[in-house]
PDB file of N, CA and C in Angstrom:
ATOM      1  N   MET A   1     328.766 100.269 -36.495  1.00  0.00           N
ATOM      2  CA  MET A   1     329.666  99.793 -35.156  1.00  0.00           C
ATOM      3  C   MET A   1     328.402  99.522 -34.160  1.00  0.00           C
ATOM      4  N   SER A   2     327.223  99.923 -34.393  1.00  0.00           N
ATOM      5  CA  SER A   2     325.723  99.203 -33.704  1.00  0.00           C
ATOM      6  C   SER A   2     325.469  98.086 -33.873  1.00  0.00           C
ATOM      7  N   ASN A   3     325.570  97.398 -32.574  1.00  0.00           N
ATOM      8  CA  ASN A   3     325.030  95.800 -32.956  1.00  0.00           C
ATOM      9  C   ASN A   3     323.416  95.737 -32.207  1.00  0.00           C
ATOM     10  N   ALA A   4     323.148  94.304 -32.564  1.00  0.00           N
ATOM     11  CA  ALA A   4     322.129  94.096 -30.991  1.00  0.00           C
ATOM     12  C   ALA A   4     321.665  94.027 -30.324  1.00  0.00           C
ATOM     13  N   THR A   5     322.879  94.038 -28.873  1.00  0.00           N
ATOM     14  CA  THR A   5     322.847  94.319 -27.869  1.00  0.00           C
ATOM     15  C   THR A   5     322.217  96.066 -27.545  1.00  0.00           C
ATOM     16  N   ILE A   6     323.294  96.577 -28.259  1.00  0.00           N
ATOM     17  CA  ILE A   6     322.902  98.394 -27.944  1.00  0.00           C
ATOM     18  C   ILE A   6     321.865  98.943 -28.939  1.00  0.00           C
ATOM     19  N   ASP A   7     321.251  98.175 -29.996  1.00  0.00           N
ATOM     20  CA  ASP A   7     320.009  98.232 -30.025  1.00  0.00           C
ATOM     21  C   ASP A   7     318.991  98.212 -29.440  1.00  0.00           C
ATOM     22  N   ALA A   8     318.965  96.771 -28.766  1.00  0.00           N
ATOM     23  CA  ALA A   8     318.240  96.683 -27.796  1.00  0.00           C
ATOM     24  C   ALA A   8     317.842  97.489 -26.447  1.00  0.00           C
ATOM     25  N   ALA A   9     319.518  97.744 -26.108  1.00  0.00           N
ATOM     26  CA  ALA A   9     319.317  98.802 -24.817  1.00  0.00           C
ATOM     27  C   ALA A   9     318.675  99.986 -25.107  1.00  0.00           C
ATOM     28  N   VAL A  10     319.059 100.445 -26.208  1.00  0.00           N
ATOM     29  CA  VAL A  10     318.423 101.910 -26.527  1.00  0.00           C
ATOM     30  C   VAL A  10     317.022 101.829 -26.867  1.00  0.00           C
ATOM     31  N   ALA A  11     316.390 100.789 -27.406  1.00  0.00           N
ATOM     32  CA  ALA A  11     314.755 100.923 -26.983  1.00  0.00           C
ATOM     33  C   ALA A  11     314.053 100.620 -25.999  1.00  0.00           C
ATOM     34  N   ALA A  12     314.946  99.789 -24.750  1.00  0.00           N
ATOM     35  CA  ALA A  12     314.368  99.601 -23.686  1.00  0.00           C
ATOM     36  C   ALA A  12     314.292 100.675 -22.681  1.00  0.00           C
ATOM     37  N   LEU A  13     315.844 101.395 -22.928  1.00  0.00           N
ATOM     38  CA  LEU A  13     315.548 102.422 -22.042  1.00  0.00           C
ATOM     39  C   LEU A  13     314.708 103.640 -22.657  1.00  0.00           C
ATOM     40  N   ASN A  14     314.482 103.945 -24.032  1.00  0.00           N
ATOM     41  CA  ASN A  14     313.230 104.753 -24.282  1.00  0.00           C
ATOM     42  C   ASN A  14     311.900 104.491 -23.591  1.00  0.00           C
ATOM     43  N   GLU A  15     312.024 103.646 -23.972  1.00  0.00           N
ATOM     44  CA  GLU A  15     310.492 103.127 -23.303  1.00  0.00           C
ATOM     45  C   GLU A  15     310.444 102.895 -21.829  1.00  0.00           C
ATOM     46  N   LYS A  16     311.726 103.204 -21.138  1.00  0.00           N
ATOM     47  CA  LYS A  16     311.752 102.891 -19.656  1.00  0.00           C
ATOM     48  C   LYS A  16     311.607 104.657 -19.515  1.00  0.00           C
ATOM     49  N   MET A  17     312.702 105.347 -20.104  1.00  0.00           N
ATOM     50  CA  MET A  17     312.513 106.870 -20.006  1.00  0.00           C
ATOM     51  C   MET A  17     311.329 107.781 -20.321  1.00  0.00           C
ATOM     52  N   ALA A  18     310.597 107.181 -21.028  1.00  0.00           N
ATOM     53  CA  ALA A  18     309.159 107.798 -21.514  1.00  0.00           C
ATOM     54  C   ALA A  18     308.773 108.459 -21.004  1.00  0.00           C
ATOM     55  N   GLY A  19     308.772 109.857 -20.825  1.00  0.00           N
ATOM     56  CA  GLY A  19     307.540 110.574 -19.734  1.00  0.00           C
ATOM     57  C   GLY A  19     308.468 110.680 -18.333  1.00  0.00           C
ATOM     58  N   ALA A  20     309.721 110.314 -18.209  1.00  0.00           N
ATOM     59  CA  ALA A  20     310.333 110.094 -16.827  1.00  0.00           C
ATOM     60  C   ALA A  20     311.279 111.648 -16.410  1.00  0.00           C
ATOM     61  N   ASP A  21     311.046 111.893 -15.406  1.00  0.00           N
ATOM     62  CA  ASP A  21     311.749 113.019 -14.790  1.00  0.00           C
ATOM     63  C   ASP A  21     313.535 113.215 -15.225  1.00  0.00           C
ATOM     64  N   PHE A  22     314.125 113.211 -15.895  1.00  0.00           N
ATOM     65  CA  PHE A  22     315.555 112.719 -15.567  1.00  0.00           C
ATOM     66  C   PHE A  22     315.763 114.127 -16.131  1.00  0.00           C
ATOM     67  N   ASP A  23     316.506 114.692 -15.450  1.00  0.00           N
ATOM     68  CA  ASP A  23     317.214 116.264 -16.199  1.00  0.00           C
ATOM     69  C   ASP A  23     318.893 115.904 -15.972  1.00  0.00           C
ATOM     70  N   GLY A  24     319.509 114.705 -15.968  1.00  0.00           N
ATOM     71  CA  GLY A  24     321.067 114.268 -16.185  1.00  0.00           C
ATOM     72  C   GLY A  24     321.541 113.694 -17.883  1.00  0.00           C
ATOM     73  N   THR A  25     322.433 113.723 -17.327  1.00  0.00           N
ATOM     74  CA  THR A  25     322.711 112.430 -18.483  1.00  0.00           C
ATOM     75  C   THR A  25     324.364 111.428 -17.767  1.00  0.00           C
ATOM     76  N   ALA A  26     323.925 110.310 -18.243  1.00  0.00           N
ATOM     77  CA  ALA A  26     324.210 108.981 -18.002  1.00  0.00           C
ATOM     78  C   ALA A  26     324.631 108.049 -19.096  1.00  0.00           C
ATOM     79  N   LYS A  27     325.677 107.699 -18.487  1.00  0.00           N
ATOM     80  CA  LYS A  27     326.550 106.819 -19.778  1.00  0.00           C
ATOM     81  C   LYS A  27     326.078 104.936 -18.942  1.00  0.00           C
ATOM     82  N   PHE A  28     325.279 104.227 -19.968  1.00  0.00           N
ATOM     83  CA  PHE A  28     325.126 102.766 -19.923  1.00  0.00           C
ATOM     84  C   PHE A  28     326.520 102.261 -20.765  1.00  0.00           C
ATOM     85  N   GLU A  29     327.726 101.094 -19.938  1.00  0.00           N
ATOM     86  CA  GLU A  29     328.693 100.521 -20.564  1.00  0.00           C
ATOM     87  C   GLU A  29     328.143  99.194 -20.386  1.00  0.00           C
ATOM     88  N   ILE A  30     327.894  98.610 -21.211  1.00  0.00           N
ATOM     89  CA  ILE A  30     327.517  97.285 -21.276  1.00  0.00           C
ATOM     90  C   ILE A  30     328.852  96.464 -22.008  1.00  0.00           C
ATOM     91  N   ARG A  31     329.759  95.899 -20.882  1.00  0.00           N
ATOM     92  CA  ARG A  31     330.812  95.223 -21.380  1.00  0.00           C
ATOM     93  C   ARG A  31     331.159  94.435 -22.352  1.00  0.00           C
ATOM     94  N   GLY A  32     331.949  95.007 -23.330  1.00  0.00           N
ATOM     95  CA  GLY A  32     332.088  93.828 -24.609  1.00  0.00           C
ATOM     96  C   GLY A  32     331.314  94.208 -25.835  1.00  0.00           C
ATOM     97  N   GLU A  33     329.873  94.899 -25.475  1.00  0.00           N
ATOM     98  CA  GLU A  33     329.226  95.331 -26.627  1.00  0.00           C
ATOM     99  C   GLU A  33     329.250  96.642 -27.105  1.00  0.00           C
ATOM    100  N   GLY A  34     329.035  97.687 -26.548  1.00  0.00           N
ATOM    101  CA  GLY A  34     329.118  99.472 -26.393  1.00  0.00           C
ATOM    102  C   GLY A  34     328.584  99.857 -25.307  1.00  0.00           C
ATOM    103  N   THR A  35     328.498 101.273 -25.503  1.00  0.00           N
ATOM    104  CA  THR A  35     327.921 102.120 -24.900  1.00  0.00           C
ATOM    105  C   THR A  35     326.541 103.096 -25.151  1.00  0.00           C
ATOM    106  N   VAL A  36     325.563 102.898 -24.580  1.00  0.00           N
ATOM    107  CA  VAL A  36     324.636 104.086 -24.092  1.00  0.00           C
ATOM    108  C   VAL A  36     324.451 105.239 -23.648  1.00  0.00           C
ATOM    109  N   ILE A  37     324.384 106.045 -24.205  1.00  0.00           N
ATOM    110  CA  ILE A  37     323.729 106.904 -23.290  1.00  0.00           C
ATOM    111  C   ILE A  37     322.513 107.323 -23.416  1.00  0.00           C
ATOM    112  N   VAL A  38     322.466 108.412 -21.920  1.00  0.00           N
ATOM    113  CA  VAL A  38     320.912 108.851 -21.635  1.00  0.00           C
ATOM    114  C   VAL A  38     320.912 110.170 -20.989  1.00  0.00           C
ATOM    115  N   ASP A  39     320.495 111.062 -22.080  1.00  0.00           N
ATOM    116  CA  ASP A  39     320.803 112.544 -22.100  1.00  0.00           C
ATOM    117  C   ASP A  39     318.984 113.605 -21.827  1.00  0.00           C
ATOM    118  N   GLY A  40     318.710 113.516 -20.580  1.00  0.00           N
ATOM    119  CA  GLY A  40     317.613 113.738 -20.369  1.00  0.00           C
ATOM    120  C   GLY A  40     316.630 112.834 -20.977  1.00  0.00           C
ATOM    121  N   ASN A  41     315.860 113.078 -21.341  1.00  0.00           N
ATOM    122  CA  ASN A  41     314.989 111.576 -21.979  1.00  0.00           C
ATOM    123  C   ASN A  41     315.270 110.789 -23.421  1.00  0.00           C
ATOM    124  N   ASP A  42     316.701 111.356 -24.049  1.00  0.00           N
ATOM    125  CA  ASP A  42     316.989 111.331 -25.183  1.00  0.00           C
ATOM    126  C   ASP A  42     317.865 109.795 -24.748  1.00  0.00           C
ATOM    127  N   VAL A  43     317.979 109.189 -25.572  1.00  0.00           N
ATOM    128  CA  VAL A  43     318.876 107.742 -25.538  1.00  0.00           C
ATOM    129  C   VAL A  43     319.238 107.587 -26.970  1.00  0.00           C
ATOM    130  N   ARG A  44     320.330 106.912 -26.736  1.00  0.00           N
ATOM    131  CA  ARG A  44     321.254 106.978 -28.236  1.00  0.00           C
ATOM    132  C   ARG A  44     322.424 106.113 -28.140  1.00  0.00           C
ATOM    133  N   GLU A  45     322.890 105.390 -28.761  1.00  0.00           N
ATOM    134  CA  GLU A  45     324.215 104.751 -28.866  1.00  0.00           C
ATOM    135  C   GLU A  45     325.203 105.777 -28.403  1.00  0.00           C
ATOM    136  N   ALA A  46     326.204 106.101 -27.344  1.00  0.00           N
ATOM    137  CA  ALA A  46     326.819 106.978 -27.147  1.00  0.00           C
ATOM    138  C   ALA A  46     328.278 106.815 -28.013  1.00  0.00           C
ATOM    139  N   ALA A  47     329.144 107.916 -28.512  1.00  0.00           N
ATOM    140  CA  ALA A  47     329.861 108.189 -29.374  1.00  0.00           C
ATOM    141  C   ALA A  47     331.019 108.517 -28.238  1.00  0.00           C
ATOM    142  N   ASP A  48     332.586 108.234 -28.586  1.00  0.00           N
ATOM    143  CA  ASP A  48     333.586 107.716 -27.547  1.00  0.00           C
ATOM    144  C   ASP A  48     333.724 109.686 -26.681  1.00  0.00           C
ATOM    145  N   SER A  49     333.691 110.612 -27.442  1.00  0.00           N
ATOM    146  CA  SER A  49     333.446 111.646 -27.255  1.00  0.00           C
ATOM    147  C   SER A  49     331.905 112.336 -26.189  1.00  0.00           C
ATOM    148  N   ASP A  50     330.981 111.789 -25.929  1.00  0.00           N
ATOM    149  CA  ASP A  50     330.315 111.892 -25.220  1.00  0.00           C
ATOM    150  C   ASP A  50     330.508 111.734 -23.378  1.00  0.00           C
ATOM    151  N   SER A  51     330.151 112.736 -22.727  1.00  0.00           N
ATOM    152  CA  SER A  51     330.797 113.016 -21.856  1.00  0.00           C
ATOM    153  C   SER A  51     329.473 112.809 -21.033  1.00  0.00           C
ATOM    154  N   ALA A  52     329.291 112.538 -19.596  1.00  0.00           N
ATOM    155  CA  ALA A  52     327.789 112.188 -18.567  1.00  0.00           C
ATOM    156  C   ALA A  52     328.066 112.482 -17.184  1.00  0.00           C
ATOM    157  N   ASP A  53     326.831 112.819 -16.854  1.00  0.00           N
ATOM    158  CA  ASP A  53     327.673 113.242 -15.204  1.00  0.00           C
ATOM    159  C   ASP A  53     328.189 111.847 -14.404  1.00  0.00           C
ATOM    160  N   VAL A  54     327.309 110.710 -15.081  1.00  0.00           N
ATOM    161  CA  VAL A  54     327.294 109.364 -14.603  1.00  0.00           C
ATOM    162  C   VAL A  54     328.015 108.256 -15.355  1.00  0.00           C
ATOM    163  N   THR A  55     328.887 107.643 -15.167  1.00  0.00           N
ATOM    164  CA  THR A  55     328.718 105.841 -15.924  1.00  0.00           C
ATOM    165  C   THR A  55     328.272 104.997 -15.061  1.00  0.00           C
ATOM    166  N   LEU A  56     327.849 104.224 -16.076  1.00  0.00           N
ATOM    167  CA  LEU A  56     327.232 102.561 -15.178  1.00  0.00           C
ATOM    168  C   LEU A  56     328.137 101.473 -15.723  1.00  0.00           C
ATOM    169  N   SER A  57     328.509 100.709 -15.762  1.00  0.00           N
ATOM    170  CA  SER A  57     329.014  99.554 -15.986  1.00  0.00           C
ATOM    171  C   SER A  57     328.543  98.612 -15.421  1.00  0.00           C
ATOM    172  N   ALA A  58     328.190  97.451 -16.578  1.00  0.00           N
ATOM    173  CA  ALA A  58     327.628  95.861 -15.805  1.00  0.00           C
ATOM    174  C   ALA A  58     327.795  95.231 -17.482  1.00  0.00           C
ATOM    175  N   GLU A  59     327.686  93.878 -16.898  1.00  0.00           N
ATOM    176  CA  GLU A  59     327.667  92.747 -18.162  1.00  0.00           C
ATOM    177  C   GLU A  59     326.605  93.188 -19.030  1.00  0.00           C
ATOM    178  N   SER A  60     326.435  92.517 -20.016  1.00  0.00           N
ATOM    179  CA  SER A  60     325.235  92.372 -20.494  1.00  0.00           C
ATOM    180  C   SER A  60     323.932  91.513 -20.018  1.00  0.00           C
ATOM    181  N   GLU A  61     324.540  90.736 -19.071  1.00  0.00           N
ATOM    182  CA  GLU A  61     323.116  89.897 -18.411  1.00  0.00           C
ATOM    183  C   GLU A  61     322.671  90.697 -17.359  1.00  0.00           C
ATOM    184  N   VAL A  62     323.331  91.539 -16.906  1.00  0.00           N
ATOM    185  CA  VAL A  62     323.115  92.282 -15.418  1.00  0.00           C
ATOM    186  C   VAL A  62     322.157  93.607 -16.016  1.00  0.00           C
ATOM    187  N   PHE A  63     323.017  94.006 -17.538  1.00  0.00           N
ATOM    188  CA  PHE A  63     321.847  95.352 -17.454  1.00  0.00           C
ATOM    189  C   PHE A  63     320.731  94.683 -18.414  1.00  0.00           C
ATOM    190  N   GLN A  64     320.661  94.231 -19.165  1.00  0.00           N
ATOM    191  CA  GLN A  64     319.236  93.303 -19.392  1.00  0.00           C
ATOM    192  C   GLN A  64     318.301  92.715 -18.008  1.00  0.00           C
ATOM    193  N   GLU A  65     318.926  91.821 -17.230  1.00  0.00           N
ATOM    194  CA  GLU A  65     318.171  92.030 -15.818  1.00  0.00           C
ATOM    195  C   GLU A  65     317.368  93.353 -14.565  1.00  0.00           C
ATOM    196  N   ILE A  66     318.142  94.326 -15.103  1.00  0.00           N
ATOM    197  CA  ILE A  66     317.563  95.780 -14.684  1.00  0.00           C
ATOM    198  C   ILE A  66     317.387  96.390 -15.669  1.00  0.00           C
ATOM    199  N   MET A  67     317.009  95.744 -16.909  1.00  0.00           N
ATOM    200  CA  MET A  67     315.980  96.525 -17.895  1.00  0.00           C
ATOM    201  C   MET A  67     314.483  95.887 -17.894  1.00  0.00           C
ATOM    202  N   SER A  68     314.427  94.375 -17.483  1.00  0.00           N
ATOM    203  CA  SER A  68     313.386  93.611 -17.525  1.00  0.00           C
ATOM    204  C   SER A  68     312.906  93.799 -16.178  1.00  0.00           C
ATOM    205  N   GLY A  69     313.241  94.643 -15.168  1.00  0.00           N
ATOM    206  CA  GLY A  69     313.264  94.420 -14.018  1.00  0.00           C
ATOM    207  C   GLY A  69     313.139  93.397 -12.920  1.00  0.00           C
ATOM    208  N   GLU A  70     313.666  92.749 -13.835  1.00  0.00           N
ATOM    209  CA  GLU A  70     314.347  90.799 -13.129  1.00  0.00           C
ATOM    210  C   GLU A  70     315.321  91.790 -11.661  1.00  0.00           C
ATOM    211  N   MET A  71     316.042  92.423 -11.778  1.00  0.00           N
ATOM    212  CA  MET A  71     316.913  93.027 -10.978  1.00  0.00           C
ATOM    213  C   MET A  71     316.717  94.822 -10.846  1.00  0.00           C
ATOM    214  N   ASN A  72     317.292  95.436  -9.364  1.00  0.00           N
ATOM    215  CA  ASN A  72     316.849  96.522  -8.869  1.00  0.00           C
ATOM    216  C   ASN A  72     318.266  96.826  -9.132  1.00  0.00           C
ATOM    217  N   PRO A  73     318.050  98.590 -10.091  1.00  0.00           N
ATOM    218  CA  PRO A  73     319.659  98.856  -9.836  1.00  0.00           C
ATOM    219  C   PRO A  73     320.034  99.244  -8.473  1.00  0.00           C
ATOM    220  N   THR A  74     319.747  99.206  -7.486  1.00  0.00           N
ATOM    221  CA  THR A  74     320.442  99.666  -6.187  1.00  0.00           C
ATOM    222  C   THR A  74     320.858  98.491  -5.589  1.00  0.00           C
ATOM    223  N   SER A  75     320.015  97.364  -5.918  1.00  0.00           N
ATOM    224  CA  SER A  75     320.972  95.985  -5.251  1.00  0.00           C
ATOM    225  C   SER A  75     322.140  95.667  -6.295  1.00  0.00           C
ATOM    226  N   ALA A  76     321.754  95.632  -7.552  1.00  0.00           N
ATOM    227  CA  ALA A  76     322.884  95.526  -8.511  1.00  0.00           C
ATOM    228  C   ALA A  76     324.365  95.961  -7.884  1.00  0.00           C
ATOM    229  N   PHE A  77     324.248  97.498  -7.950  1.00  0.00           N
ATOM    230  CA  PHE A  77     325.353  98.143  -7.384  1.00  0.00           C
ATOM    231  C   PHE A  77     326.123  97.825  -6.142  1.00  0.00           C
ATOM    232  N   MET A  78     324.654  97.588  -5.104  1.00  0.00           N
ATOM    233  CA  MET A  78     325.316  96.969  -3.770  1.00  0.00           C
ATOM    234  C   MET A  78     325.855  95.810  -3.922  1.00  0.00           C
ATOM    235  N   SER A  79     325.505  95.190  -5.042  1.00  0.00           N
ATOM    236  CA  SER A  79     326.646  93.527  -4.926  1.00  0.00           C
ATOM    237  C   SER A  79     327.223  93.423  -5.591  1.00  0.00           C
ATOM    238  N   GLY A  80     327.962  94.499  -6.123  1.00  0.00           N
ATOM    239  CA  GLY A  80     328.917  95.199  -7.207  1.00  0.00           C
ATOM    240  C   GLY A  80     328.950  94.391  -8.663  1.00  0.00           C
ATOM    241  N   LYS A  81     327.348  93.800  -9.029  1.00  0.00           N
ATOM    242  CA  LYS A  81     327.136  93.756 -10.514  1.00  0.00           C
ATOM    243  C   LYS A  81     326.977  94.913 -11.617  1.00  0.00           C
ATOM    244  N   LEU A  82     327.374  96.303 -10.888  1.00  0.00           N
ATOM    245  CA  LEU A  82     327.151  97.489 -11.874  1.00  0.00           C
ATOM    246  C   LEU A  82     327.564  98.068 -10.923  1.00  0.00           C
ATOM    247  N   THR A  83     328.899  98.872 -11.327  1.00  0.00           N
ATOM    248  CA  THR A  83     329.580  99.631 -11.034  1.00  0.00           C
ATOM    249  C   THR A  83     329.367 101.222 -11.669  1.00  0.00           C
ATOM    250  N   LEU A  84     329.989 102.150 -10.602  1.00  0.00           N
ATOM    251  CA  LEU A  84     329.285 103.709 -11.092  1.00  0.00           C
ATOM    252  C   LEU A  84     330.662 104.433 -11.040  1.00  0.00           C
ATOM    253  N   ASP A  85     330.745 105.350 -11.982  1.00  0.00           N
ATOM    254  CA  ASP A  85     331.556 106.378 -11.974  1.00  0.00           C
ATOM    255  C   ASP A  85     331.279 107.635 -12.407  1.00  0.00           C
ATOM    256  N   GLY A  86     331.416 108.928 -10.955  1.00  0.00           N
ATOM    257  CA  GLY A  86     330.516 110.145 -10.902  1.00  0.00           C
ATOM    258  C   GLY A  86     329.821 110.304 -10.156  1.00  0.00           C
ATOM    259  N   ASP A  87     329.059 110.863 -10.563  1.00  0.00           N
ATOM    260  CA  ASP A  87     327.479 111.858  -9.367  1.00  0.00           C
ATOM    261  C   ASP A  87     326.617 110.375  -9.171  1.00  0.00           C
ATOM    262  N   MET A  88     326.657 110.282  -7.535  1.00  0.00           N
ATOM    263  CA  MET A  88     325.618 109.798  -6.915  1.00  0.00           C
ATOM    264  C   MET A  88     324.613 109.675  -7.224  1.00  0.00           C
ATOM    265  N   GLY A  89     324.109 111.056  -7.161  1.00  0.00           N
ATOM    266  CA  GLY A  89     322.923 112.198  -7.256  1.00  0.00           C
ATOM    267  C   GLY A  89     322.211 111.684  -8.165  1.00  0.00           C
ATOM    268  N   THR A  90     322.564 111.800  -9.822  1.00  0.00           N
ATOM    269  CA  THR A  90     322.263 111.829 -10.621  1.00  0.00           C
ATOM    270  C   THR A  90     322.453 109.962 -10.938  1.00  0.00           C
ATOM    271  N   ALA A  91     322.753 109.143 -10.701  1.00  0.00           N
ATOM    272  CA  ALA A  91     323.120 107.841 -10.511  1.00  0.00           C
ATOM    273  C   ALA A  91     321.196 107.366  -9.454  1.00  0.00           C
ATOM    274  N   MET A  92     321.161 108.365  -8.580  1.00  0.00           N
ATOM    275  CA  MET A  92     319.909 107.736  -8.118  1.00  0.00           C
ATOM    276  C   MET A  92     318.623 108.473  -8.890  1.00  0.00           C
ATOM    277  N   LYS A  93     318.569 109.514  -9.266  1.00  0.00           N
ATOM    278  CA  LYS A  93     317.587 110.424 -10.272  1.00  0.00           C
ATOM    279  C   LYS A  93     317.307 108.947 -11.259  1.00  0.00           C
ATOM    280  N   LEU A  94     318.485 108.187 -11.880  1.00  0.00           N
ATOM    281  CA  LEU A  94     318.176 107.316 -13.096  1.00  0.00           C
ATOM    282  C   LEU A  94     317.110 106.363 -12.501  1.00  0.00           C
ATOM    283  N   ALA A  95     317.876 105.579 -11.518  1.00  0.00           N
ATOM    284  CA  ALA A  95     317.161 104.661 -10.517  1.00  0.00           C
ATOM    285  C   ALA A  95     315.887 104.570 -10.763  1.00  0.00           C
ATOM    286  N   SER A  96     315.451 106.026 -10.077  1.00  0.00           N
ATOM    287  CA  SER A  96     313.805 106.593  -9.525  1.00  0.00           C
ATOM    288  C   SER A  96     313.263 106.190 -11.183  1.00  0.00           C
ATOM    289  N   ALA A  97     313.823 107.248 -12.390  1.00  0.00           N
ATOM    290  CA  ALA A  97     313.395 107.201 -13.250  1.00  0.00           C
ATOM    291  C   ALA A  97     312.947 105.973 -13.934  1.00  0.00           C
ATOM    292  N   LEU A  98     314.082 104.795 -14.085  1.00  0.00           N
ATOM    293  CA  LEU A  98     313.657 103.336 -14.573  1.00  0.00           C
ATOM    294  C   LEU A  98     313.229 102.551 -13.802  1.00  0.00           C
ATOM    295  N   GLY A  99     312.760 103.417 -12.421  1.00  0.00           N
ATOM    296  CA  GLY A  99     311.449 102.645 -11.428  1.00  0.00           C
ATOM    297  C   GLY A  99     312.130 101.264 -11.276  1.00  0.00           C
TER     298      GLY A  99
END
């Protein structure tokens, strides 16, 4: 079930989350590709049964721009390119951890 986009997302998030102070759970739904979960500093492809404090959804290109630093996660949310379902506080902590 794994694909190159999800594998790249897991690798990028693992790099970004290394040493980060994040104690929640967050799912990234990359539309048309799959889902990645961040659980504390552990990042992996999400299973359907995985639950999270917050779920963030975006197109693959938006996710890639956020990971590369080209797009700020808050700006992506404010412009409607990133949608959020769940705990806003956890989302803010995650955005801070992602830098």
